[in-house]
N, C-alpha and C. Protein backbone atom coordinates (compact mmCIF):
# COMPACT_ATOMS: atom_id res chain seq x y z
N UNK A 1 92.92 91.77 72.92
CA UNK A 1 92.70 92.75 73.97
C UNK A 1 91.61 92.29 74.93
N UNK A 2 90.72 91.44 74.43
CA UNK A 2 89.62 90.94 75.26
C UNK A 2 90.15 90.21 76.50
N UNK A 3 91.24 89.43 76.35
CA UNK A 3 91.80 88.71 77.49
C UNK A 3 92.29 89.65 78.58
N UNK A 4 92.69 90.85 78.19
CA UNK A 4 93.16 91.80 79.19
C UNK A 4 92.05 92.18 80.16
N UNK A 5 90.84 91.97 79.80
CA UNK A 5 89.72 92.23 80.70
C UNK A 5 89.26 90.92 81.35
N UNK A 6 89.20 89.85 80.56
CA UNK A 6 88.66 88.57 81.02
C UNK A 6 89.58 87.89 82.04
N UNK A 7 90.87 87.84 81.75
CA UNK A 7 91.78 87.10 82.63
C UNK A 7 91.94 87.71 84.02
N UNK A 8 92.02 89.03 84.16
CA UNK A 8 92.06 89.60 85.52
C UNK A 8 90.79 89.30 86.32
N UNK A 9 89.64 89.30 85.66
CA UNK A 9 88.39 88.97 86.34
C UNK A 9 88.42 87.51 86.79
N UNK A 10 88.95 86.63 85.95
CA UNK A 10 89.09 85.21 86.33
C UNK A 10 90.01 85.07 87.54
N UNK A 11 91.08 85.86 87.58
CA UNK A 11 91.98 85.84 88.73
C UNK A 11 91.26 86.30 89.99
N UNK A 12 90.54 87.40 89.91
CA UNK A 12 89.78 87.91 91.05
C UNK A 12 88.78 86.88 91.53
N UNK A 13 88.06 86.27 90.59
CA UNK A 13 87.07 85.24 90.95
C UNK A 13 87.74 84.10 91.71
N UNK A 14 88.88 83.65 91.21
CA UNK A 14 89.61 82.58 91.90
C UNK A 14 90.00 83.00 93.32
N UNK A 15 90.52 84.21 93.47
CA UNK A 15 90.95 84.68 94.79
C UNK A 15 89.78 84.78 95.76
N UNK A 16 88.63 85.16 95.26
CA UNK A 16 87.41 85.22 96.09
C UNK A 16 86.96 83.80 96.44
N UNK A 17 86.91 82.93 95.43
CA UNK A 17 86.49 81.54 95.66
C UNK A 17 87.37 80.83 96.69
N UNK A 18 88.66 81.13 96.66
CA UNK A 18 89.61 80.51 97.59
C UNK A 18 89.67 81.25 98.93
N UNK A 19 88.86 82.29 99.05
CA UNK A 19 88.78 83.10 100.27
C UNK A 19 90.11 83.77 100.63
N UNK A 20 90.86 84.10 99.59
CA UNK A 20 92.11 84.84 99.77
C UNK A 20 91.79 86.32 99.93
N UNK A 21 90.76 86.77 99.22
CA UNK A 21 90.21 88.11 99.41
C UNK A 21 88.70 87.96 99.60
N UNK A 22 88.09 88.97 100.19
CA UNK A 22 86.65 88.88 100.48
C UNK A 22 85.88 90.04 99.85
N UNK A 23 86.17 90.27 98.59
CA UNK A 23 85.52 91.36 97.88
C UNK A 23 84.31 90.85 97.11
N UNK A 24 83.52 91.78 96.61
CA UNK A 24 82.37 91.46 95.78
C UNK A 24 82.83 91.45 94.31
N UNK A 25 82.72 90.31 93.65
CA UNK A 25 83.15 90.19 92.26
C UNK A 25 82.45 91.20 91.36
N UNK A 26 81.21 91.51 91.66
CA UNK A 26 80.45 92.46 90.84
C UNK A 26 81.12 93.83 90.79
N UNK A 27 81.75 94.23 91.86
CA UNK A 27 82.45 95.52 91.89
C UNK A 27 83.57 95.51 90.85
N UNK A 28 84.32 94.43 90.77
CA UNK A 28 85.41 94.32 89.81
C UNK A 28 84.87 94.26 88.38
N UNK A 29 83.76 93.55 88.19
CA UNK A 29 83.19 93.40 86.85
C UNK A 29 82.67 94.71 86.29
N UNK A 30 82.39 95.67 87.13
CA UNK A 30 81.89 96.97 86.68
C UNK A 30 83.01 97.90 86.22
N UNK A 31 84.24 97.56 86.54
CA UNK A 31 85.37 98.42 86.18
C UNK A 31 85.65 98.31 84.69
N UNK A 32 86.16 99.37 84.12
CA UNK A 32 86.30 99.48 82.66
C UNK A 32 87.67 99.02 82.13
N UNK A 33 88.73 99.10 82.94
CA UNK A 33 90.06 98.80 82.42
C UNK A 33 90.78 97.78 83.31
N UNK A 34 91.76 97.14 82.72
CA UNK A 34 92.59 96.20 83.48
C UNK A 34 93.30 96.93 84.61
N UNK A 35 93.72 98.15 84.35
CA UNK A 35 94.42 98.93 85.37
C UNK A 35 93.53 99.16 86.59
N UNK A 36 92.27 99.52 86.35
CA UNK A 36 91.33 99.72 87.46
C UNK A 36 91.10 98.43 88.24
N UNK A 37 90.96 97.33 87.52
CA UNK A 37 90.74 96.03 88.17
C UNK A 37 91.92 95.67 89.05
N UNK A 38 93.11 95.80 88.51
CA UNK A 38 94.30 95.39 89.26
C UNK A 38 94.63 96.35 90.40
N UNK A 39 94.36 97.64 90.21
CA UNK A 39 94.56 98.59 91.31
C UNK A 39 93.64 98.26 92.48
N UNK A 40 92.38 97.95 92.18
CA UNK A 40 91.45 97.57 93.24
C UNK A 40 91.87 96.26 93.90
N UNK A 41 92.36 95.34 93.11
CA UNK A 41 92.82 94.07 93.66
C UNK A 41 94.02 94.29 94.59
N UNK A 42 94.95 95.13 94.17
CA UNK A 42 96.10 95.43 95.03
C UNK A 42 95.64 96.10 96.33
N UNK A 43 94.68 97.02 96.23
CA UNK A 43 94.14 97.66 97.43
C UNK A 43 93.46 96.65 98.35
N UNK A 44 92.81 95.67 97.75
CA UNK A 44 92.17 94.62 98.53
C UNK A 44 93.20 93.82 99.32
N UNK A 45 94.33 93.52 98.68
CA UNK A 45 95.40 92.82 99.39
C UNK A 45 95.95 93.68 100.52
N UNK A 46 96.16 94.96 100.25
CA UNK A 46 96.67 95.86 101.29
C UNK A 46 95.72 95.92 102.49
N UNK A 47 94.43 95.94 102.21
CA UNK A 47 93.42 96.01 103.27
C UNK A 47 93.32 94.68 104.02
N UNK A 48 93.33 93.58 103.29
CA UNK A 48 93.16 92.26 103.88
C UNK A 48 94.40 91.81 104.63
N UNK A 49 95.57 92.17 104.14
CA UNK A 49 96.84 91.75 104.73
C UNK A 49 97.71 92.97 105.04
N UNK A 50 97.27 93.81 105.98
CA UNK A 50 97.99 95.07 106.22
C UNK A 50 99.42 94.89 106.75
N UNK A 51 99.72 93.76 107.34
CA UNK A 51 101.06 93.55 107.88
C UNK A 51 102.00 92.84 106.91
N UNK A 52 101.49 92.48 105.75
CA UNK A 52 102.32 91.79 104.77
C UNK A 52 103.25 92.81 104.11
N UNK A 53 104.51 92.50 104.10
CA UNK A 53 105.50 93.39 103.50
C UNK A 53 105.94 92.84 102.15
N UNK A 54 105.86 93.69 101.15
CA UNK A 54 106.35 93.30 99.83
C UNK A 54 107.47 94.26 99.43
N UNK A 55 108.30 93.80 98.50
CA UNK A 55 109.42 94.61 98.03
C UNK A 55 108.94 95.56 96.94
N UNK A 56 109.58 96.70 96.89
CA UNK A 56 109.30 97.66 95.83
C UNK A 56 109.92 97.13 94.54
N UNK A 57 109.15 97.13 93.48
CA UNK A 57 109.63 96.64 92.19
C UNK A 57 110.73 97.54 91.66
N UNK A 58 111.83 96.93 91.24
CA UNK A 58 112.92 97.69 90.63
C UNK A 58 112.57 97.94 89.17
N UNK A 59 112.11 99.12 88.89
CA UNK A 59 111.62 99.45 87.55
C UNK A 59 112.75 99.54 86.53
N UNK A 60 113.97 99.75 87.00
CA UNK A 60 115.08 99.90 86.05
C UNK A 60 115.45 98.59 85.37
N UNK A 61 115.09 97.45 85.98
CA UNK A 61 115.41 96.16 85.36
C UNK A 61 114.16 95.35 85.03
N UNK A 62 113.03 95.96 85.15
CA UNK A 62 111.75 95.29 84.93
C UNK A 62 111.53 95.00 83.44
N UNK A 63 110.88 93.86 83.14
CA UNK A 63 110.63 93.51 81.74
C UNK A 63 109.79 94.56 81.01
N UNK A 64 109.04 95.36 81.74
CA UNK A 64 108.15 96.35 81.12
C UNK A 64 108.81 97.72 80.93
N UNK A 65 110.04 97.88 81.33
CA UNK A 65 110.64 99.21 81.30
C UNK A 65 110.69 99.83 79.91
N UNK A 66 110.71 99.01 78.87
CA UNK A 66 110.78 99.53 77.50
C UNK A 66 109.41 99.70 76.85
N UNK A 67 108.34 99.37 77.57
CA UNK A 67 107.00 99.53 76.99
C UNK A 67 106.73 101.00 76.76
N UNK A 68 106.17 101.35 75.61
CA UNK A 68 105.84 102.73 75.30
C UNK A 68 104.53 103.17 75.95
N UNK A 69 103.61 102.25 76.08
CA UNK A 69 102.29 102.56 76.66
C UNK A 69 102.42 102.60 78.18
N UNK A 70 102.28 103.79 78.74
CA UNK A 70 102.47 103.96 80.19
C UNK A 70 101.42 103.19 81.01
N UNK A 71 100.22 103.04 80.47
CA UNK A 71 99.18 102.29 81.20
C UNK A 71 99.54 100.81 81.28
N UNK A 72 99.99 100.24 80.17
CA UNK A 72 100.38 98.83 80.17
C UNK A 72 101.62 98.64 81.05
N UNK A 73 102.52 99.59 81.03
CA UNK A 73 103.71 99.52 81.88
C UNK A 73 103.29 99.51 83.36
N UNK A 74 102.37 100.39 83.72
CA UNK A 74 101.89 100.45 85.11
C UNK A 74 101.19 99.16 85.49
N UNK A 75 100.41 98.59 84.58
CA UNK A 75 99.75 97.31 84.84
C UNK A 75 100.79 96.23 85.14
N UNK A 76 101.87 96.21 84.39
CA UNK A 76 102.94 95.22 84.64
C UNK A 76 103.54 95.39 86.03
N UNK A 77 103.72 96.62 86.47
CA UNK A 77 104.25 96.86 87.81
C UNK A 77 103.26 96.43 88.89
N UNK A 78 101.98 96.69 88.67
CA UNK A 78 100.96 96.26 89.63
C UNK A 78 100.93 94.74 89.70
N UNK A 79 101.06 94.08 88.56
CA UNK A 79 101.07 92.62 88.54
C UNK A 79 102.24 92.07 89.36
N UNK A 80 103.37 92.75 89.31
CA UNK A 80 104.49 92.31 90.14
C UNK A 80 104.16 92.43 91.63
N UNK A 81 103.47 93.49 92.01
CA UNK A 81 103.04 93.63 93.41
C UNK A 81 102.10 92.48 93.78
N UNK A 82 101.17 92.16 92.90
CA UNK A 82 100.23 91.06 93.18
C UNK A 82 100.97 89.73 93.27
N UNK A 83 101.96 89.54 92.42
CA UNK A 83 102.79 88.33 92.49
C UNK A 83 103.42 88.22 93.87
N UNK A 84 103.92 89.34 94.37
CA UNK A 84 104.55 89.32 95.69
C UNK A 84 103.54 89.03 96.79
N UNK A 85 102.38 89.65 96.74
CA UNK A 85 101.35 89.35 97.75
C UNK A 85 101.00 87.87 97.75
N UNK A 86 100.83 87.30 96.57
CA UNK A 86 100.47 85.89 96.48
C UNK A 86 101.61 84.99 96.94
N UNK A 87 102.83 85.35 96.61
CA UNK A 87 103.99 84.54 97.00
C UNK A 87 104.31 84.66 98.49
N UNK A 88 104.41 85.89 98.96
CA UNK A 88 104.74 86.13 100.38
C UNK A 88 103.65 85.54 101.27
N UNK A 89 102.40 85.62 100.83
CA UNK A 89 101.29 85.08 101.60
C UNK A 89 101.18 83.57 101.55
N UNK A 90 102.01 82.92 100.72
CA UNK A 90 101.99 81.47 100.62
C UNK A 90 100.84 80.94 99.76
N UNK A 91 100.24 81.79 98.96
CA UNK A 91 99.13 81.39 98.11
C UNK A 91 99.59 80.88 96.75
N UNK A 92 100.85 81.13 96.42
CA UNK A 92 101.38 80.77 95.11
C UNK A 92 102.89 80.60 95.23
N UNK A 93 103.45 79.72 94.44
CA UNK A 93 104.89 79.53 94.38
C UNK A 93 105.45 80.48 93.31
N UNK A 94 106.27 81.42 93.74
CA UNK A 94 106.82 82.42 92.82
C UNK A 94 107.61 81.77 91.69
N UNK A 95 108.40 80.76 92.02
CA UNK A 95 109.21 80.11 90.98
C UNK A 95 108.34 79.47 89.91
N UNK A 96 107.22 78.88 90.31
CA UNK A 96 106.30 78.30 89.33
C UNK A 96 105.72 79.39 88.44
N UNK A 97 105.40 80.53 89.02
CA UNK A 97 104.86 81.65 88.26
C UNK A 97 105.88 82.14 87.23
N UNK A 98 107.13 82.29 87.65
CA UNK A 98 108.19 82.74 86.75
C UNK A 98 108.41 81.71 85.65
N UNK A 99 108.43 80.43 86.02
CA UNK A 99 108.61 79.38 85.01
C UNK A 99 107.50 79.42 83.98
N UNK A 100 106.25 79.57 84.45
CA UNK A 100 105.12 79.64 83.54
C UNK A 100 105.29 80.80 82.56
N UNK A 101 105.61 81.98 83.10
CA UNK A 101 105.79 83.18 82.27
C UNK A 101 106.88 82.95 81.23
N UNK A 102 108.04 82.49 81.69
CA UNK A 102 109.17 82.29 80.78
C UNK A 102 108.89 81.22 79.73
N UNK A 103 108.23 80.14 80.14
CA UNK A 103 107.88 79.08 79.18
C UNK A 103 106.94 79.62 78.11
N UNK A 104 105.94 80.38 78.54
CA UNK A 104 104.95 80.90 77.58
C UNK A 104 105.58 81.86 76.59
N UNK A 105 106.38 82.81 77.07
CA UNK A 105 106.90 83.84 76.16
C UNK A 105 108.00 83.31 75.24
N UNK A 106 108.52 82.12 75.54
CA UNK A 106 109.54 81.54 74.66
C UNK A 106 108.98 80.40 73.81
N UNK A 107 107.67 80.15 73.90
CA UNK A 107 107.05 79.13 73.05
C UNK A 107 107.17 79.53 71.59
N UNK A 108 107.33 78.52 70.75
CA UNK A 108 107.37 78.79 69.32
C UNK A 108 106.04 79.41 68.89
N UNK A 109 106.14 80.48 68.15
CA UNK A 109 104.94 81.15 67.66
C UNK A 109 104.40 82.24 68.58
N UNK A 110 104.96 82.37 69.78
CA UNK A 110 104.50 83.42 70.68
C UNK A 110 104.95 84.76 70.14
N UNK A 111 104.02 85.68 69.96
CA UNK A 111 104.36 87.03 69.49
C UNK A 111 104.45 87.93 70.72
N UNK A 112 105.67 88.30 71.07
CA UNK A 112 105.89 89.12 72.27
C UNK A 112 105.56 90.57 71.97
N UNK A 113 104.56 91.06 72.69
CA UNK A 113 104.18 92.47 72.66
C UNK A 113 103.93 92.87 74.11
N UNK A 114 103.86 94.15 74.40
CA UNK A 114 103.52 94.54 75.77
C UNK A 114 102.21 93.92 76.25
N UNK A 115 101.22 93.87 75.37
CA UNK A 115 99.92 93.31 75.77
C UNK A 115 100.02 91.80 76.00
N UNK A 116 100.72 91.09 75.13
CA UNK A 116 100.84 89.65 75.32
C UNK A 116 101.67 89.33 76.57
N UNK A 117 102.66 90.15 76.86
CA UNK A 117 103.47 89.94 78.07
C UNK A 117 102.62 90.15 79.33
N UNK A 118 101.83 91.21 79.34
CA UNK A 118 100.97 91.50 80.50
C UNK A 118 99.91 90.40 80.65
N UNK A 119 99.31 89.98 79.56
CA UNK A 119 98.31 88.93 79.62
C UNK A 119 98.94 87.63 80.16
N UNK A 120 100.14 87.32 79.72
CA UNK A 120 100.84 86.13 80.20
C UNK A 120 101.16 86.26 81.69
N UNK A 121 101.50 87.44 82.13
CA UNK A 121 101.78 87.66 83.55
C UNK A 121 100.52 87.43 84.37
N UNK A 122 99.37 87.91 83.90
CA UNK A 122 98.11 87.65 84.61
C UNK A 122 97.89 86.15 84.72
N UNK A 123 98.07 85.44 83.62
CA UNK A 123 97.88 83.99 83.62
C UNK A 123 98.85 83.29 84.58
N UNK A 124 100.05 83.83 84.70
CA UNK A 124 101.05 83.20 85.56
C UNK A 124 100.67 83.29 87.04
N UNK A 125 99.74 84.17 87.38
CA UNK A 125 99.30 84.31 88.77
C UNK A 125 98.16 83.37 89.13
N UNK A 126 97.63 82.68 88.14
CA UNK A 126 96.51 81.79 88.38
C UNK A 126 96.98 80.33 88.41
N UNK A 127 96.39 79.56 89.33
CA UNK A 127 96.72 78.13 89.33
C UNK A 127 96.25 77.47 88.04
N UNK A 128 96.91 76.40 87.68
CA UNK A 128 96.61 75.74 86.41
C UNK A 128 95.15 75.30 86.32
N UNK A 129 94.49 75.00 87.45
CA UNK A 129 93.10 74.58 87.37
C UNK A 129 92.20 75.68 86.84
N UNK A 130 92.59 76.95 87.03
CA UNK A 130 91.80 78.06 86.49
C UNK A 130 92.04 78.22 85.00
N UNK A 131 93.17 77.73 84.54
CA UNK A 131 93.51 77.89 83.14
C UNK A 131 93.06 76.70 82.30
N UNK A 132 92.56 75.66 82.95
CA UNK A 132 92.16 74.47 82.24
C UNK A 132 93.34 73.64 81.77
N UNK A 133 94.48 73.76 82.45
CA UNK A 133 95.69 73.00 82.06
C UNK A 133 95.76 71.70 82.83
């Protein structure tokens, strides 16, 4: 569960370092939940790129639709929005992100849970240099 807090902060730090967003990292670090962190990050993208159009996530076919925890489910949907902001903005290759996610969740020994899926999705939004790969 610790990664659910640590990895989103690492993502925010990377986005600030790369000048993709211009927020204060300390504001994000004060937030208590992954949902709060990612909601603020999505708002930052909306504010920074007001003309960027993203598609509404189709929740009926989303990998998180069967999650029982509504907060984790909502986090997964927010992550999809962030994926779109990063892809549409040219900051990330969507296909690489999907490949990373799919490769990770199908690795031998990977225990697929809602939390591990969400954590893997966060990681898929970060360039490999942030992951130490």
